[in-house]
Protein backbone atom coordinates (compact mmCIF):
# COMPACT_ATOMS: atom_id res chain seq x y z
CA MET A 1 136.36 91.14 76.84
CA PRO A 2 133.53 88.80 77.96
CA ALA A 3 136.05 86.05 78.66
CA ARG A 4 138.31 88.48 80.54
CA LEU A 5 135.43 89.75 82.70
CA THR A 6 134.30 86.19 83.41
CA ALA A 7 137.85 85.29 84.44
CA GLU A 8 137.99 88.28 86.81
CA ALA A 9 134.64 87.34 88.34
CA MET A 10 135.67 83.70 88.79
CA GLY A 11 139.05 84.60 90.27
CA THR A 12 137.51 87.03 92.74
CA PHE A 13 134.85 84.47 93.59
CA LEU A 14 137.56 81.90 94.36
CA LEU A 15 139.49 84.39 96.49
CA VAL A 16 136.46 85.43 98.55
CA PHE A 17 134.73 82.07 98.79
CA GLY A 18 137.88 80.18 99.76
CA SER A 19 139.37 82.68 102.18
CA ILE A 20 136.18 83.82 103.90
CA SER A 21 135.07 80.20 104.22
CA ALA A 22 138.35 79.53 105.99
CA ALA A 23 137.76 82.51 108.29
CA LEU A 24 134.16 81.60 109.14
CA PHE A 25 134.17 77.80 109.13
CA ALA A 26 137.69 76.85 110.16
CA ALA A 27 139.53 79.69 111.94
CA ASP A 28 138.10 78.92 115.37
CA PHE A 29 136.62 75.49 114.87
CA GLY A 30 137.04 74.23 118.40
CA VAL A 31 139.06 71.88 120.57
CA GLY A 32 139.53 68.15 120.07
CA ALA A 33 139.09 65.46 122.68
CA GLY A 34 142.77 65.67 123.59
CA GLY A 35 142.60 69.41 124.15
CA THR A 36 144.24 70.28 120.83
CA SER A 37 142.87 73.24 118.92
CA LEU A 38 141.25 72.19 115.66
CA GLY A 39 140.96 75.67 114.23
CA ILE A 40 143.38 77.10 111.69
CA GLY A 41 143.62 80.55 113.32
CA PHE A 42 145.10 83.69 111.76
CA VAL A 43 147.91 81.74 110.09
CA GLY A 44 145.49 79.42 108.33
CA VAL A 45 143.29 82.28 107.17
CA ALA A 46 146.31 84.19 105.87
CA LEU A 47 147.40 81.11 103.93
CA ALA A 48 143.89 80.72 102.53
CA PHE A 49 144.02 84.22 101.06
CA GLY A 50 147.42 83.55 99.53
CA LEU A 51 146.59 80.10 98.18
CA THR A 52 143.36 81.23 96.53
CA VAL A 53 145.25 84.01 94.76
CA VAL A 54 147.92 81.59 93.57
CA ALA A 55 145.26 79.22 92.21
CA GLY A 56 143.31 82.02 90.56
CA VAL A 57 146.34 83.66 88.97
CA TYR A 58 147.53 80.42 87.38
CA ALA A 59 144.02 79.36 86.34
CA TRP A 60 142.69 82.62 84.91
CA GLY A 61 145.61 85.04 84.92
CA PRO A 62 146.54 84.19 81.31
CA ILE A 63 143.03 85.30 80.28
CA SER A 64 142.48 88.51 82.25
CA GLY A 65 145.78 89.28 83.96
CA GLY A 66 144.51 87.93 87.29
CA HIS A 67 143.71 91.15 89.13
CA PHE A 68 140.78 89.92 91.29
CA ASN A 69 140.92 93.21 93.16
CA PRO A 70 139.69 96.72 92.22
CA ALA A 71 142.68 98.32 93.93
CA VAL A 72 145.07 96.21 91.85
CA THR A 73 143.21 97.10 88.64
CA LEU A 74 143.45 100.82 89.41
CA GLY A 75 147.07 100.51 90.53
CA LEU A 76 148.00 98.80 87.27
CA ALA A 77 146.22 101.52 85.32
CA ALA A 78 148.08 104.22 87.26
CA ALA A 79 151.34 102.43 86.44
CA GLY A 80 150.55 102.40 82.73
CA ARG A 81 150.13 98.64 82.62
CA PHE A 82 146.35 98.51 82.05
CA PRO A 83 143.95 100.70 80.01
CA TRP A 84 141.89 103.10 82.13
CA LYS A 85 138.93 102.51 79.82
CA ASP A 86 138.74 98.86 80.91
CA THR A 87 138.86 99.49 84.66
CA VAL A 88 135.10 99.88 85.22
CA GLY A 89 134.24 96.56 83.63
CA TYR A 90 136.92 94.76 85.62
CA ILE A 91 135.82 96.33 88.90
CA VAL A 92 132.16 95.44 88.34
CA ALA A 93 133.10 91.85 87.52
CA GLN A 94 135.25 91.62 90.66
CA ILE A 95 132.51 92.96 92.91
CA VAL A 96 129.97 90.55 91.43
CA GLY A 97 132.33 87.59 91.82
CA GLY A 98 133.05 88.45 95.44
CA ALA A 99 129.37 88.92 96.28
CA ILE A 100 128.55 85.52 94.80
CA GLY A 101 131.26 84.03 97.00
CA THR A 102 129.79 85.28 100.28
CA THR A 103 126.24 84.54 99.11
CA LEU A 104 127.16 80.88 98.64
CA ILE A 105 128.72 80.85 102.11
CA VAL A 106 125.38 82.10 103.44
CA LEU A 107 123.66 79.29 101.52
CA ILE A 108 125.91 76.73 103.22
CA GLY A 109 125.21 78.37 106.56
CA LEU A 110 121.45 78.10 106.07
CA PHE A 111 121.80 74.33 106.28
CA GLY A 112 124.38 74.42 109.07
CA PRO A 113 124.04 73.98 112.82
CA ASP A 114 121.24 75.87 114.52
CA GLY A 115 122.27 79.46 115.06
CA TRP A 116 125.51 79.26 113.08
CA LEU A 117 124.52 81.75 110.40
CA ARG A 118 123.02 84.21 112.86
CA SER A 119 126.15 84.00 115.00
CA ALA A 120 128.39 84.56 111.96
CA GLN A 121 126.41 87.61 110.95
CA ASP A 122 126.27 88.98 114.49
CA GLY A 123 130.06 88.60 114.58
CA GLY A 124 130.44 90.70 111.44
CA PHE A 125 130.78 87.88 108.88
CA ALA A 126 134.59 88.33 108.72
CA SER A 127 134.08 91.94 107.62
CA ASN A 128 136.80 94.52 107.91
CA GLY A 129 136.49 96.92 110.80
CA TYR A 130 138.15 99.27 113.25
CA GLY A 131 137.55 100.26 116.85
CA ALA A 132 135.20 97.76 118.48
CA HIS A 133 135.22 95.76 115.23
CA SER A 134 139.01 95.44 115.02
CA PRO A 135 140.33 92.06 116.24
CA GLY A 136 143.04 93.92 118.17
CA GLY A 137 141.06 97.05 119.07
CA PHE A 138 142.87 99.34 116.61
CA GLY A 139 141.21 102.63 115.70
CA MET A 140 140.24 104.13 112.36
CA GLY A 141 143.60 105.89 111.96
CA SER A 142 145.42 102.59 112.26
CA ALA A 143 143.15 101.01 109.66
CA ILE A 144 143.65 103.90 107.24
CA VAL A 145 147.45 103.83 107.50
CA ALA A 146 147.57 100.03 107.31
CA GLU A 147 145.34 99.85 104.22
CA ILE A 148 147.34 102.49 102.37
CA LEU A 149 150.72 100.97 103.20
CA PHE A 150 149.91 97.30 102.77
CA THR A 151 148.02 97.86 99.52
CA ALA A 152 150.88 99.97 98.17
CA ILE A 153 153.35 97.21 99.05
CA PHE A 154 151.12 94.63 97.37
CA VAL A 155 150.86 96.65 94.18
CA PHE A 156 154.60 97.39 94.11
CA VAL A 157 155.31 93.65 94.32
CA ILE A 158 152.78 92.84 91.60
CA LEU A 159 154.27 95.46 89.29
CA GLY A 160 157.76 94.16 89.94
CA VAL A 161 157.17 90.46 89.40
CA THR A 162 154.94 90.95 86.33
CA HIS A 163 157.22 93.40 84.53
CA PRO A 164 157.49 92.38 80.85
CA THR A 165 161.30 92.17 80.94
CA ARG A 166 162.26 92.04 84.63
CA GLY A 167 159.42 89.83 85.84
CA THR A 168 159.42 86.16 86.79
CA LYS A 169 157.50 83.07 85.73
CA LEU A 170 156.84 82.51 89.44
CA ALA A 171 154.86 85.75 89.65
CA GLY A 172 151.66 84.02 90.77
CA LEU A 173 153.43 82.30 93.66
CA VAL A 174 155.20 85.49 94.75
CA ILE A 175 151.95 87.47 94.66
CA GLY A 176 150.14 84.83 96.72
CA LEU A 177 152.91 84.66 99.29
CA THR A 178 152.97 88.45 99.55
CA LEU A 179 149.23 88.49 100.23
CA THR A 180 149.77 85.83 102.88
CA LEU A 181 152.46 87.96 104.53
CA ILE A 182 150.20 91.01 104.47
CA HIS A 183 147.43 89.08 106.22
CA LEU A 184 149.80 87.63 108.79
CA ALA A 185 150.82 91.15 109.72
CA SER A 186 147.51 92.99 109.52
CA ILE A 187 144.59 90.70 110.39
CA PRO A 188 144.75 91.90 114.02
CA ILE A 189 144.50 95.52 112.87
CA ASP A 190 141.34 95.46 110.76
CA ASN A 191 140.84 91.92 109.40
CA THR A 192 142.90 92.99 106.35
CA SER A 193 141.21 94.35 103.28
CA VAL A 194 143.71 95.57 100.62
CA ASN A 195 140.82 94.57 98.32
CA PRO A 196 137.57 96.56 98.11
CA ALA A 197 135.73 93.66 96.43
CA ARG A 198 136.52 91.42 99.41
CA SER A 199 135.34 94.14 101.80
CA ILE A 200 132.07 94.69 99.96
CA ALA A 201 131.39 90.96 99.76
CA THR A 202 131.57 90.47 103.53
CA ALA A 203 129.95 93.77 104.52
CA ILE A 204 126.82 92.79 102.59
CA TYR A 205 126.14 90.16 105.27
CA GLY A 206 128.10 91.72 108.14
CA GLY A 207 125.39 94.03 109.44
CA GLY A 208 124.96 97.77 109.81
CA ASP A 209 128.28 98.50 111.50
CA ALA A 210 130.22 96.71 108.76
CA LEU A 211 128.41 98.76 106.12
CA LEU A 212 128.99 102.01 108.01
CA GLN A 213 132.73 101.35 108.21
CA LEU A 214 133.00 100.00 104.67
CA TRP A 215 134.03 103.33 103.15
CA VAL A 216 137.44 103.09 104.83
CA PHE A 217 138.10 99.79 103.07
CA LEU A 218 136.97 101.15 99.72
CA VAL A 219 138.82 104.46 99.75
CA PHE A 220 142.19 103.74 101.32
CA PRO A 221 143.21 100.53 99.54
CA ILE A 222 142.57 102.46 96.33
CA VAL A 223 144.65 105.38 97.61
CA GLY A 224 147.54 103.03 98.38
CA ALA A 225 147.26 101.31 95.01
CA LEU A 226 147.21 104.58 93.06
CA LEU A 227 150.20 105.92 94.97
CA ALA A 228 152.14 102.74 94.24
CA GLY A 229 151.13 102.73 90.58
CA PHE A 230 152.13 106.33 89.89
CA ALA A 231 155.32 105.99 91.97
CA ASN A 232 156.34 102.78 90.24
CA ARG A 233 155.97 104.38 86.81
CA ALA A 234 158.04 107.39 87.88
CA LEU A 235 160.74 105.43 89.68
CA PHE A 236 161.16 102.19 87.76
CA ASP A 237 159.23 102.16 84.52
CA GLY A 238 158.45 105.42 82.79
CA ARG A 239 156.25 103.72 80.22
CA THR A 240 152.86 105.03 79.21
CA LEU A 241 150.02 102.89 77.91
CA GLY A 242 148.68 103.95 74.55
């Protein structure tokens, strides 16, 4: 178990550190001398989330299963693919790994250009949000529906590609590409959570409004994951975990 928890913490650290670094340092970097945008934009950030998951799954998935996400852990438990008794340890490890990721981004920012860190924090530190804190101005209802649906889709895909008999050796790649697709579709809605550990990690440094809205991005990804887990077991699997 210590090795599994360490793997979950490291994988979640990689996911948060890599993707949130892309969002804060590179998404809107600026314009070059020729007038060409140097930032990676939404597409680049979406790819960063997917690529970090691919790297983490292949690096540490064989040790822990490569969840890196409390919603995924609970969804797998609901589907009968993971012991409920191990969920708390995994979730704590994921939250710690994510928090270390954003803390190290803050450390980099402390030695950055004057005002960079303050500006990043004033801008929400890439936290999830709705209303005035949604990139596209979407309200709380939109965020709730999006988090339930996109997390459910994510968990359904994970359960499908990791099935012991029907799965694929390319599961890590498929999971990463699915997360990329989810971000491409939903960043404008609420900055895309589908992962409570990611939401906690950014809200820690995102200010009071990010913390006040955080509950949405804790509760509803978990709701979507549990719905997908129970539905998958009823529709496609039927197994129980002893």
